Protein backbone atom coordinates (compact mmCIF):
# COMPACT_ATOMS: atom_id res chain seq x y z
CA MET A 1 -3.99 4.32 -7.45
CA GLN A 2 -2.79 0.63 -7.40
CA GLU A 3 0.00 1.57 -9.73
CA PHE A 4 1.05 4.29 -7.50
CA ILE A 5 1.60 1.85 -4.71
CA GLN A 6 3.36 -0.19 -6.78
CA PHE A 7 5.67 2.72 -7.57
CA VAL A 8 6.28 3.81 -3.91
CA VAL A 9 6.76 0.10 -2.53
CA GLU A 10 8.96 -1.13 -5.29
CA ALA A 11 11.19 1.82 -4.50
CA LEU A 12 11.50 0.25 -0.65
CA VAL A 13 12.36 -3.26 -1.01
CA ASP A 14 15.22 -5.32 -1.89
CA HIS A 15 13.30 -7.78 -4.29
CA PRO A 16 10.65 -5.34 -6.29
CA GLU A 17 9.66 -8.25 -8.79
CA GLU A 18 8.17 -10.10 -5.71
CA VAL A 19 5.61 -7.07 -4.96
CA VAL A 20 2.00 -8.00 -5.58
CA ILE A 21 -0.95 -5.56 -5.25
CA GLU A 22 -4.53 -6.25 -5.40
CA GLY A 23 -7.45 -3.98 -5.08
CA PHE A 24 -11.13 -5.07 -4.35
CA ARG A 25 -14.32 -3.22 -3.38
CA GLU A 26 -15.77 -4.03 0.08
CA ASP A 27 -18.10 -1.54 2.05
CA GLY A 28 -18.23 1.09 -0.09
CA GLY A 29 -14.32 1.52 -0.56
CA VAL A 30 -11.52 -0.16 -1.84
CA VAL A 31 -9.17 -2.46 0.17
CA TYR A 32 -5.53 -2.90 -1.53
CA GLU A 33 -3.55 -6.13 -0.39
CA LEU A 34 -0.15 -5.99 -0.58
CA GLN A 35 2.32 -8.99 -0.63
CA CYS A 36 6.07 -8.90 -0.82
CA HIS A 37 9.34 -10.86 -0.11
CA PRO A 38 9.42 -11.49 3.65
CA ASP A 39 12.47 -9.73 4.15
CA ASP A 40 10.80 -6.50 2.74
CA VAL A 41 7.92 -6.51 4.95
CA GLY A 42 9.98 -4.71 7.46
CA LYS A 43 11.38 -2.06 5.30
CA VAL A 44 7.51 -1.38 4.14
CA ILE A 45 6.17 -1.23 7.61
CA GLY A 46 9.23 0.86 8.88
CA ARG A 47 10.07 2.01 12.54
CA ASN A 48 7.13 2.11 14.80
CA GLY A 49 4.98 1.90 11.61
CA ARG A 50 5.80 5.30 10.36
CA THR A 51 6.27 3.97 6.59
CA ILE A 52 3.34 2.24 6.26
CA THR A 53 1.21 4.91 7.80
CA ALA A 54 2.76 7.46 5.55
CA ILE A 55 1.84 5.10 2.56
CA ARG A 56 -1.74 4.79 4.11
CA THR A 57 -1.72 8.78 4.48
CA LEU A 58 -0.90 9.51 0.70
CA ILE A 59 -3.25 7.19 -0.67
CA SER A 60 -6.31 8.38 1.54
CA ASN A 61 -5.42 12.26 0.49
CA ALA A 62 -5.18 11.25 -2.76
CA ALA A 63 -8.15 9.18 -3.26
CA ALA A 64 -9.99 12.28 -1.29
CA GLY A 65 -9.38 14.38 -4.17
CA LYS A 66 -10.22 12.25 -6.59
CA GLY A 67 -13.33 12.25 -4.93
CA GLN A 68 -13.47 8.70 -4.11
CA SER A 69 -14.57 7.29 -0.51
CA ARG A 70 -12.47 5.37 1.43
CA VAL A 71 -9.27 3.66 0.56
CA SER A 72 -6.80 1.29 2.92
CA LEU A 73 -3.94 -0.89 2.25
CA GLU A 74 -3.26 -4.01 4.27
CA ILE A 75 -0.38 -5.90 4.33
CA VAL A 76 -0.24 -9.70 3.67
CA GLU A 77 2.14 -12.07 4.81
């Protein structure tokens, strides 16, 4: 899952070398924290949050297909 998020986010940003994703278990699920260049945060979030919502939907559906419980993605600035 982490590689998938990395692939999608790196395709969106201008500074793909600064994309860092860390995952950890929390309350029966997995939380992924995304860090990127400050200029790229807006590109990841998208207009009215549509891009980040789409990424979160993709990873939630992928996790459900694999039988995992809850997966979330947070942007750390």
